[in-house]
Amino acid sequence: MDSIGLNLALVALLIFLTAFFVATEFAIIRIRPSRVNQLVLEGRKGALAVQRVTSNLDGYLSACQLGITITALGLGWLGEPTVEKLLHPLFTQFDLNERVSSLLSFLIAFVIVTYLHVVVGELAPKSWAIQKAEFISFLVAKPIILFHKVLYPFIWVLNAPPTA
């Protein structure tokens, strides 16, 4: 796979991860604690993990925010330049000045990456999580617990000032 192909795959992964963190954030806020407790009492598989997440919202919401921020920064760092590299040759075929070609490539790449980030990475998963909070909560509980464990020192630092 060439570097542009690899970069596009990484961009898709970053958008998927953004969607994961956004969906997680909205699902764990939306699901009712009484419903989670009921599911735990019924012995539903995965309910204890959901309960663990929803009983520590500050920590897990901070984990979601950290994940969203990391993926957004990665998308900006990788996505725009990758799409710009794809577009730039297109504009040079029109005998445009190099600066104009570069500017147009940059602006269109920025718009495309921003659109994908906002619509696919943020709005769609938010809407889905609000509508299907219970389903999403069960899907994301174990992965967000793992993410929280791995990045706990950073999450602790993020939570220290607001809760102090």
N, C-alpha and C. Protein backbone atom coordinates (compact mmCIF):
# COMPACT_ATOMS: atom_id res chain seq x y z
N MET A 1 0.86 -1.18 0.00
CA MET A 1 0.00 0.00 0.00
C MET A 1 0.90 1.24 0.00
N ASP A 2 0.62 2.18 -0.90
CA ASP A 2 1.43 3.39 -0.95
C ASP A 2 1.11 4.29 0.25
N SER A 3 1.91 5.34 0.43
CA SER A 3 1.73 6.18 1.62
C SER A 3 0.39 6.90 1.61
N ILE A 4 -0.10 7.30 0.45
CA ILE A 4 -1.41 7.96 0.40
C ILE A 4 -2.51 6.96 0.76
N GLY A 5 -2.41 5.74 0.25
CA GLY A 5 -3.39 4.71 0.60
C GLY A 5 -3.38 4.40 2.08
N LEU A 6 -2.19 4.28 2.65
CA LEU A 6 -2.07 4.04 4.09
C LEU A 6 -2.64 5.21 4.88
N ASN A 7 -2.31 6.42 4.46
CA ASN A 7 -2.83 7.61 5.14
C ASN A 7 -4.35 7.69 5.07
N LEU A 8 -4.93 7.35 3.93
CA LEU A 8 -6.39 7.35 3.81
C LEU A 8 -7.01 6.30 4.72
N ALA A 9 -6.37 5.15 4.84
CA ALA A 9 -6.85 4.12 5.77
C ALA A 9 -6.78 4.62 7.21
N LEU A 10 -5.70 5.32 7.55
CA LEU A 10 -5.57 5.88 8.89
C LEU A 10 -6.60 6.98 9.14
N VAL A 11 -6.88 7.79 8.12
CA VAL A 11 -7.92 8.82 8.23
C VAL A 11 -9.27 8.17 8.51
N ALA A 12 -9.58 7.10 7.78
CA ALA A 12 -10.84 6.38 8.01
C ALA A 12 -10.89 5.82 9.43
N LEU A 13 -9.77 5.28 9.90
CA LEU A 13 -9.69 4.76 11.26
C LEU A 13 -9.92 5.87 12.29
N LEU A 14 -9.30 7.02 12.07
CA LEU A 14 -9.47 8.16 12.99
C LEU A 14 -10.92 8.64 13.02
N ILE A 15 -11.57 8.67 11.87
CA ILE A 15 -12.98 9.06 11.84
C ILE A 15 -13.83 8.03 12.58
N PHE A 16 -13.54 6.75 12.37
CA PHE A 16 -14.25 5.69 13.09
C PHE A 16 -14.05 5.83 14.60
N LEU A 17 -12.81 6.09 15.03
CA LEU A 17 -12.54 6.24 16.46
C LEU A 17 -13.24 7.47 17.04
N THR A 18 -13.27 8.56 16.27
CA THR A 18 -14.02 9.73 16.72
C THR A 18 -15.47 9.35 16.93
N ALA A 19 -16.04 8.65 15.96
CA ALA A 19 -17.44 8.22 16.07
C ALA A 19 -17.65 7.34 17.29
N PHE A 20 -16.70 6.45 17.56
CA PHE A 20 -16.78 5.59 18.74
C PHE A 20 -16.86 6.43 20.02
N PHE A 21 -15.95 7.39 20.16
CA PHE A 21 -15.91 8.19 21.39
C PHE A 21 -17.14 9.09 21.52
N VAL A 22 -17.61 9.65 20.42
CA VAL A 22 -18.81 10.49 20.46
C VAL A 22 -20.03 9.65 20.82
N ALA A 23 -20.18 8.50 20.19
CA ALA A 23 -21.31 7.62 20.49
C ALA A 23 -21.26 7.17 21.95
N THR A 24 -20.08 6.85 22.42
CA THR A 24 -19.92 6.44 23.82
C THR A 24 -20.37 7.55 24.75
N GLU A 25 -19.88 8.75 24.49
CA GLU A 25 -20.20 9.90 25.33
C GLU A 25 -21.71 10.10 25.45
N PHE A 26 -22.40 10.11 24.34
CA PHE A 26 -23.84 10.37 24.37
C PHE A 26 -24.64 9.19 24.90
N ALA A 27 -24.21 7.98 24.61
CA ALA A 27 -24.94 6.80 25.09
C ALA A 27 -24.87 6.69 26.61
N ILE A 28 -23.69 6.92 27.19
CA ILE A 28 -23.56 6.75 28.64
C ILE A 28 -24.25 7.88 29.41
N ILE A 29 -24.43 9.01 28.76
CA ILE A 29 -25.20 10.09 29.40
C ILE A 29 -26.69 9.80 29.30
N ARG A 30 -27.09 9.25 28.18
CA ARG A 30 -28.52 9.06 27.87
C ARG A 30 -29.16 7.87 28.59
N ILE A 31 -28.41 6.79 28.79
CA ILE A 31 -29.00 5.61 29.41
C ILE A 31 -29.34 5.90 30.88
N ARG A 32 -30.51 5.48 31.30
CA ARG A 32 -30.95 5.74 32.67
C ARG A 32 -30.27 4.79 33.65
N PRO A 33 -29.73 5.32 34.74
CA PRO A 33 -29.11 4.45 35.76
C PRO A 33 -30.07 3.39 36.30
N SER A 34 -31.35 3.74 36.44
CA SER A 34 -32.32 2.75 36.93
C SER A 34 -32.45 1.57 35.95
N ARG A 35 -32.36 1.86 34.66
CA ARG A 35 -32.42 0.80 33.66
C ARG A 35 -31.17 -0.08 33.73
N VAL A 36 -30.03 0.55 33.93
CA VAL A 36 -28.78 -0.22 34.06
C VAL A 36 -28.86 -1.13 35.28
N ASN A 37 -29.33 -0.60 36.41
CA ASN A 37 -29.47 -1.41 37.62
C ASN A 37 -30.42 -2.59 37.40
N GLN A 38 -31.51 -2.34 36.69
CA GLN A 38 -32.46 -3.41 36.38
C GLN A 38 -31.78 -4.50 35.54
N LEU A 39 -31.00 -4.10 34.56
CA LEU A 39 -30.32 -5.06 33.69
C LEU A 39 -29.27 -5.86 34.46
N VAL A 40 -28.62 -5.22 35.43
CA VAL A 40 -27.66 -5.93 36.29
C VAL A 40 -28.40 -6.98 37.11
N LEU A 41 -29.52 -6.59 37.71
CA LEU A 41 -30.31 -7.53 38.51
C LEU A 41 -30.84 -8.70 37.68
N GLU A 42 -31.15 -8.44 36.42
CA GLU A 42 -31.62 -9.50 35.52
C GLU A 42 -30.48 -10.39 35.04
N GLY A 43 -29.24 -9.99 35.34
CA GLY A 43 -28.09 -10.79 34.94
C GLY A 43 -27.71 -10.66 33.47
N ARG A 44 -28.10 -9.57 32.87
CA ARG A 44 -27.77 -9.37 31.44
C ARG A 44 -26.27 -9.29 31.25
N LYS A 45 -25.78 -10.04 30.28
CA LYS A 45 -24.35 -10.06 29.98
C LYS A 45 -23.89 -8.65 29.59
N GLY A 46 -22.83 -8.19 30.22
CA GLY A 46 -22.28 -6.87 29.92
C GLY A 46 -22.85 -5.75 30.77
N ALA A 47 -23.90 -6.03 31.53
CA ALA A 47 -24.55 -4.97 32.31
C ALA A 47 -23.63 -4.42 33.40
N LEU A 48 -22.80 -5.27 33.99
CA LEU A 48 -21.88 -4.79 35.02
C LEU A 48 -20.86 -3.81 34.44
N ALA A 49 -20.42 -4.06 33.24
CA ALA A 49 -19.49 -3.13 32.58
C ALA A 49 -20.18 -1.79 32.33
N VAL A 50 -21.42 -1.83 31.86
CA VAL A 50 -22.17 -0.59 31.62
C VAL A 50 -22.36 0.14 32.95
N GLN A 51 -22.68 -0.59 34.00
CA GLN A 51 -22.87 0.02 35.31
C GLN A 51 -21.57 0.67 35.80
N ARG A 52 -20.47 0.00 35.58
CA ARG A 52 -19.17 0.56 35.97
C ARG A 52 -18.93 1.90 35.28
N VAL A 53 -19.25 1.97 34.01
CA VAL A 53 -19.05 3.20 33.24
C VAL A 53 -20.01 4.29 33.71
N THR A 54 -21.28 3.95 33.82
CA THR A 54 -22.28 4.98 34.15
C THR A 54 -22.19 5.43 35.61
N SER A 55 -21.56 4.65 36.46
CA SER A 55 -21.41 5.08 37.86
C SER A 55 -20.16 5.94 38.06
N ASN A 56 -19.37 6.12 37.03
CA ASN A 56 -18.19 7.00 37.09
C ASN A 56 -18.19 7.89 35.84
N LEU A 57 -19.26 8.66 35.69
CA LEU A 57 -19.41 9.47 34.47
C LEU A 57 -18.28 10.46 34.27
N ASP A 58 -17.83 11.12 35.35
CA ASP A 58 -16.74 12.10 35.19
C ASP A 58 -15.52 11.47 34.53
N GLY A 59 -15.12 10.33 35.04
CA GLY A 59 -13.93 9.66 34.50
C GLY A 59 -14.11 9.21 33.07
N TYR A 60 -15.25 8.59 32.78
CA TYR A 60 -15.45 8.05 31.43
C TYR A 60 -15.80 9.13 30.41
N LEU A 61 -16.47 10.20 30.85
CA LEU A 61 -16.70 11.32 29.92
C LEU A 61 -15.38 12.01 29.60
N SER A 62 -14.49 12.09 30.58
CA SER A 62 -13.16 12.64 30.31
C SER A 62 -12.39 11.74 29.35
N ALA A 63 -12.55 10.44 29.50
CA ALA A 63 -11.90 9.51 28.56
C ALA A 63 -12.44 9.74 27.15
N CYS A 64 -13.74 9.92 27.04
CA CYS A 64 -14.34 10.19 25.72
C CYS A 64 -13.79 11.49 25.14
N GLN A 65 -13.74 12.53 25.96
CA GLN A 65 -13.24 13.82 25.48
C GLN A 65 -11.78 13.72 25.05
N LEU A 66 -11.00 12.99 25.82
CA LEU A 66 -9.60 12.79 25.45
C LEU A 66 -9.50 12.04 24.12
N GLY A 67 -10.30 11.01 23.96
CA GLY A 67 -10.31 10.26 22.71
C GLY A 67 -10.74 11.11 21.53
N ILE A 68 -11.77 11.92 21.71
CA ILE A 68 -12.24 12.81 20.64
C ILE A 68 -11.15 13.81 20.28
N THR A 69 -10.50 14.37 21.28
CA THR A 69 -9.44 15.36 21.03
C THR A 69 -8.26 14.74 20.30
N ILE A 70 -7.82 13.57 20.76
CA ILE A 70 -6.68 12.90 20.12
C ILE A 70 -7.01 12.57 18.67
N THR A 71 -8.19 12.03 18.43
CA THR A 71 -8.54 11.66 17.05
C THR A 71 -8.72 12.89 16.17
N ALA A 72 -9.28 13.97 16.72
CA ALA A 72 -9.44 15.20 15.93
C ALA A 72 -8.08 15.79 15.57
N LEU A 73 -7.17 15.80 16.52
CA LEU A 73 -5.82 16.31 16.24
C LEU A 73 -5.13 15.44 15.20
N GLY A 74 -5.26 14.13 15.34
CA GLY A 74 -4.67 13.21 14.36
C GLY A 74 -5.27 13.40 12.98
N LEU A 75 -6.57 13.62 12.94
CA LEU A 75 -7.24 13.84 11.66
C LEU A 75 -6.76 15.12 11.00
N GLY A 76 -6.60 16.17 11.78
CA GLY A 76 -6.09 17.42 11.24
C GLY A 76 -4.66 17.29 10.76
N TRP A 77 -3.87 16.57 11.51
CA TRP A 77 -2.45 16.40 11.19
C TRP A 77 -2.26 15.54 9.95
N LEU A 78 -3.09 14.50 9.81
CA LEU A 78 -2.91 13.53 8.74
C LEU A 78 -3.90 13.71 7.59
N GLY A 79 -5.14 14.02 7.91
CA GLY A 79 -6.20 14.04 6.90
C GLY A 79 -6.07 15.13 5.87
N GLU A 80 -5.93 16.35 6.33
CA GLU A 80 -5.88 17.48 5.38
C GLU A 80 -4.70 17.36 4.43
N PRO A 81 -3.46 17.11 4.92
CA PRO A 81 -2.35 16.99 3.99
C PRO A 81 -2.50 15.82 3.00
N THR A 82 -3.11 14.73 3.45
CA THR A 82 -3.29 13.57 2.57
C THR A 82 -4.27 13.90 1.44
N VAL A 83 -5.39 14.49 1.79
CA VAL A 83 -6.38 14.85 0.77
C VAL A 83 -5.81 15.94 -0.14
N GLU A 84 -5.05 16.86 0.43
CA GLU A 84 -4.41 17.91 -0.37
C GLU A 84 -3.47 17.29 -1.42
N LYS A 85 -2.71 16.28 -1.02
CA LYS A 85 -1.81 15.60 -1.98
C LYS A 85 -2.59 14.96 -3.13
N LEU A 86 -3.78 14.47 -2.83
CA LEU A 86 -4.61 13.88 -3.88
C LEU A 86 -5.16 14.95 -4.83
N LEU A 87 -5.51 16.10 -4.28
CA LEU A 87 -6.15 17.15 -5.07
C LEU A 87 -5.17 18.02 -5.85
N HIS A 88 -4.00 18.23 -5.31
CA HIS A 88 -3.05 19.17 -5.91
C HIS A 88 -2.76 18.87 -7.38
N PRO A 89 -2.48 17.62 -7.77
CA PRO A 89 -2.22 17.35 -9.19
C PRO A 89 -3.40 17.70 -10.10
N LEU A 90 -4.60 17.59 -9.56
CA LEU A 90 -5.79 17.93 -10.32
C LEU A 90 -5.78 19.40 -10.72
N PHE A 91 -5.40 20.26 -9.79
CA PHE A 91 -5.41 21.70 -10.07
C PHE A 91 -4.23 22.13 -10.94
N THR A 92 -3.13 21.42 -10.86
CA THR A 92 -1.99 21.78 -11.70
C THR A 92 -2.28 21.47 -13.18
N GLN A 93 -3.22 20.57 -13.45
CA GLN A 93 -3.60 20.27 -14.83
C GLN A 93 -4.33 21.44 -15.50
N PHE A 94 -4.86 22.35 -14.69
CA PHE A 94 -5.58 23.50 -15.22
C PHE A 94 -4.67 24.70 -15.46
N ASP A 95 -3.38 24.46 -15.46
CA ASP A 95 -2.38 25.52 -15.67
C ASP A 95 -2.56 26.68 -14.70
N LEU A 96 -2.93 26.35 -13.48
CA LEU A 96 -3.06 27.39 -12.45
C LEU A 96 -1.70 27.65 -11.84
N ASN A 97 -1.53 28.84 -11.37
CA ASN A 97 -0.34 29.22 -10.63
C ASN A 97 -0.14 28.22 -9.48
N GLU A 98 1.10 27.89 -9.16
CA GLU A 98 1.41 26.91 -8.10
C GLU A 98 0.78 27.33 -6.76
N ARG A 99 0.86 28.61 -6.45
CA ARG A 99 0.27 29.08 -5.18
C ARG A 99 -1.24 28.92 -5.18
N VAL A 100 -1.87 29.22 -6.29
CA VAL A 100 -3.32 29.07 -6.39
C VAL A 100 -3.70 27.60 -6.29
N SER A 101 -2.96 26.73 -6.97
CA SER A 101 -3.21 25.29 -6.88
C SER A 101 -3.08 24.79 -5.45
N SER A 102 -2.03 25.25 -4.78
CA SER A 102 -1.81 24.84 -3.38
C SER A 102 -2.93 25.35 -2.49
N LEU A 103 -3.32 26.60 -2.68
CA LEU A 103 -4.38 27.18 -1.85
C LEU A 103 -5.70 26.46 -2.08
N LEU A 104 -6.07 26.24 -3.33
CA LEU A 104 -7.32 25.54 -3.63
C LEU A 104 -7.30 24.11 -3.08
N SER A 105 -6.19 23.43 -3.25
CA SER A 105 -6.06 22.06 -2.72
C SER A 105 -6.23 22.05 -1.22
N PHE A 106 -5.57 22.99 -0.55
CA PHE A 106 -5.66 23.08 0.91
C PHE A 106 -7.10 23.36 1.34
N LEU A 107 -7.74 24.37 0.74
CA LEU A 107 -9.09 24.76 1.16
C LEU A 107 -10.10 23.64 0.93
N ILE A 108 -10.04 23.01 -0.22
CA ILE A 108 -10.99 21.92 -0.51
C ILE A 108 -10.72 20.72 0.39
N ALA A 109 -9.45 20.40 0.61
CA ALA A 109 -9.10 19.30 1.52
C ALA A 109 -9.60 19.60 2.93
N PHE A 110 -9.42 20.83 3.37
CA PHE A 110 -9.88 21.23 4.70
C PHE A 110 -11.40 21.06 4.82
N VAL A 111 -12.13 21.50 3.81
CA VAL A 111 -13.59 21.38 3.82
C VAL A 111 -14.01 19.90 3.83
N ILE A 112 -13.38 19.08 3.01
CA ILE A 112 -13.73 17.65 2.93
C ILE A 112 -13.46 16.96 4.27
N VAL A 113 -12.28 17.18 4.83
CA VAL A 113 -11.93 16.52 6.10
C VAL A 113 -12.83 17.03 7.23
N THR A 114 -13.10 18.33 7.25
CA THR A 114 -13.99 18.89 8.28
C THR A 114 -15.38 18.30 8.15
N TYR A 115 -15.89 18.21 6.94
CA TYR A 115 -17.22 17.65 6.71
C TYR A 115 -17.28 16.20 7.21
N LEU A 116 -16.31 15.39 6.83
CA LEU A 116 -16.29 13.99 7.26
C LEU A 116 -16.21 13.89 8.78
N HIS A 117 -15.36 14.72 9.37
CA HIS A 117 -15.21 14.70 10.83
C HIS A 117 -16.52 15.08 11.52
N VAL A 118 -17.14 16.16 11.07
CA VAL A 118 -18.35 16.64 11.73
C VAL A 118 -19.54 15.71 11.48
N VAL A 119 -19.77 15.33 10.23
CA VAL A 119 -20.96 14.54 9.91
C VAL A 119 -20.79 13.08 10.29
N VAL A 120 -19.72 12.45 9.82
CA VAL A 120 -19.53 11.01 10.07
C VAL A 120 -18.99 10.75 11.47
N GLY A 121 -18.09 11.61 11.92
CA GLY A 121 -17.45 11.39 13.21
C GLY A 121 -18.21 11.93 14.40
N GLU A 122 -19.06 12.95 14.19
CA GLU A 122 -19.73 13.58 15.32
C GLU A 122 -21.26 13.49 15.26
N LEU A 123 -21.86 14.07 14.23
CA LEU A 123 -23.32 14.18 14.20
C LEU A 123 -24.04 12.84 14.08
N ALA A 124 -23.61 12.01 13.15
CA ALA A 124 -24.28 10.71 12.96
C ALA A 124 -24.17 9.83 14.21
N PRO A 125 -22.97 9.67 14.79
CA PRO A 125 -22.90 8.82 15.99
C PRO A 125 -23.65 9.41 17.19
N LYS A 126 -23.67 10.74 17.28
CA LYS A 126 -24.42 11.37 18.38
C LYS A 126 -25.90 11.05 18.26
N SER A 127 -26.44 11.21 17.07
CA SER A 127 -27.85 10.93 16.84
C SER A 127 -28.17 9.45 17.09
N TRP A 128 -27.31 8.58 16.60
CA TRP A 128 -27.50 7.14 16.78
C TRP A 128 -27.46 6.77 18.27
N ALA A 129 -26.51 7.34 19.00
CA ALA A 129 -26.36 7.01 20.42
C ALA A 129 -27.54 7.52 21.24
N ILE A 130 -28.08 8.67 20.87
CA ILE A 130 -29.24 9.20 21.58
C ILE A 130 -30.45 8.29 21.35
N GLN A 131 -30.60 7.79 20.13
CA GLN A 131 -31.74 6.93 19.80
C GLN A 131 -31.58 5.51 20.34
N LYS A 132 -30.36 5.02 20.41
CA LYS A 132 -30.09 3.62 20.79
C LYS A 132 -29.12 3.55 21.97
N ALA A 133 -29.38 4.34 23.01
CA ALA A 133 -28.43 4.47 24.12
C ALA A 133 -28.10 3.14 24.78
N GLU A 134 -29.11 2.31 25.02
CA GLU A 134 -28.85 1.04 25.69
C GLU A 134 -27.98 0.13 24.82
N PHE A 135 -28.35 -0.02 23.57
CA PHE A 135 -27.59 -0.86 22.65
C PHE A 135 -26.14 -0.38 22.54
N ILE A 136 -25.96 0.91 22.34
CA ILE A 136 -24.61 1.47 22.20
C ILE A 136 -23.82 1.31 23.49
N SER A 137 -24.46 1.54 24.62
CA SER A 137 -23.76 1.41 25.91
C SER A 137 -23.18 0.02 26.09
N PHE A 138 -23.94 -0.99 25.71
CA PHE A 138 -23.44 -2.36 25.82
C PHE A 138 -22.31 -2.63 24.83
N LEU A 139 -22.37 -2.01 23.68
CA LEU A 139 -21.33 -2.18 22.67
C LEU A 139 -20.00 -1.55 23.09
N VAL A 140 -20.08 -0.40 23.74
CA VAL A 140 -18.87 0.40 23.99
C VAL A 140 -18.30 0.27 25.40
N ALA A 141 -19.04 -0.32 26.32
CA ALA A 141 -18.61 -0.32 27.72
C ALA A 141 -17.23 -0.93 27.92
N LYS A 142 -17.01 -2.12 27.42
CA LYS A 142 -15.71 -2.78 27.64
C LYS A 142 -14.56 -2.05 26.94
N PRO A 143 -14.72 -1.62 25.68
CA PRO A 143 -13.62 -0.87 25.06
C PRO A 143 -13.30 0.45 25.77
N ILE A 144 -14.32 1.16 26.26
CA ILE A 144 -14.03 2.44 26.93
C ILE A 144 -13.40 2.19 28.30
N ILE A 145 -13.74 1.09 28.94
CA ILE A 145 -13.08 0.73 30.20
C ILE A 145 -11.60 0.48 29.95
N LEU A 146 -11.28 -0.24 28.89
CA LEU A 146 -9.88 -0.50 28.54
C LEU A 146 -9.15 0.81 28.22
N PHE A 147 -9.76 1.65 27.40
CA PHE A 147 -9.16 2.95 27.06
C PHE A 147 -8.91 3.77 28.32
N HIS A 148 -9.88 3.77 29.22
CA HIS A 148 -9.78 4.51 30.48
C HIS A 148 -8.61 3.98 31.31
N LYS A 149 -8.46 2.65 31.38
CA LYS A 149 -7.35 2.06 32.14
C LYS A 149 -6.00 2.46 31.56
N VAL A 150 -5.88 2.34 30.24
CA VAL A 150 -4.60 2.62 29.58
C VAL A 150 -4.20 4.08 29.74
N LEU A 151 -5.16 4.98 29.62
CA LEU A 151 -4.84 6.41 29.67
C LEU A 151 -5.23 7.06 31.00
N TYR A 152 -5.39 6.24 32.04
CA TYR A 152 -5.83 6.77 33.33
C TYR A 152 -4.99 7.93 33.84
N PRO A 153 -3.66 7.89 33.78
CA PRO A 153 -2.89 9.04 34.30
C PRO A 153 -3.28 10.37 33.62
N PHE A 154 -3.49 10.34 32.33
CA PHE A 154 -3.89 11.56 31.61
C PHE A 154 -5.30 11.98 32.00
N ILE A 155 -6.18 11.01 32.14
CA ILE A 155 -7.57 11.30 32.51
C ILE A 155 -7.63 11.86 33.92
N TRP A 156 -6.81 11.33 34.81
CA TRP A 156 -6.75 11.83 36.18
C TRP A 156 -6.32 13.30 36.18
N VAL A 157 -5.30 13.62 35.40
CA VAL A 157 -4.83 15.00 35.30
C VAL A 157 -5.93 15.90 34.75
N LEU A 158 -6.66 15.42 33.75
CA LEU A 158 -7.75 16.21 33.18
C LEU A 158 -8.85 16.47 34.19
N ASN A 159 -9.14 15.49 35.03
CA ASN A 159 -10.22 15.62 36.00
C ASN A 159 -9.81 16.36 37.27
N ALA A 160 -8.53 16.45 37.55
CA ALA A 160 -8.09 17.09 38.80
C ALA A 160 -8.54 18.55 38.90
N PRO A 161 -8.27 19.41 37.92
CA PRO A 161 -8.67 20.82 38.08
C PRO A 161 -10.18 21.03 38.20
N PRO A 162 -11.03 20.41 37.35
CA PRO A 162 -12.46 20.68 37.46
C PRO A 162 -13.10 20.18 38.75
N THR A 163 -12.58 19.09 39.30
CA THR A 163 -13.21 18.53 40.50
C THR A 163 -12.57 19.02 41.78
N ALA A 164 -11.49 19.78 41.68
CA ALA A 164 -10.79 20.26 42.88
C ALA A 164 -11.55 21.37 43.57
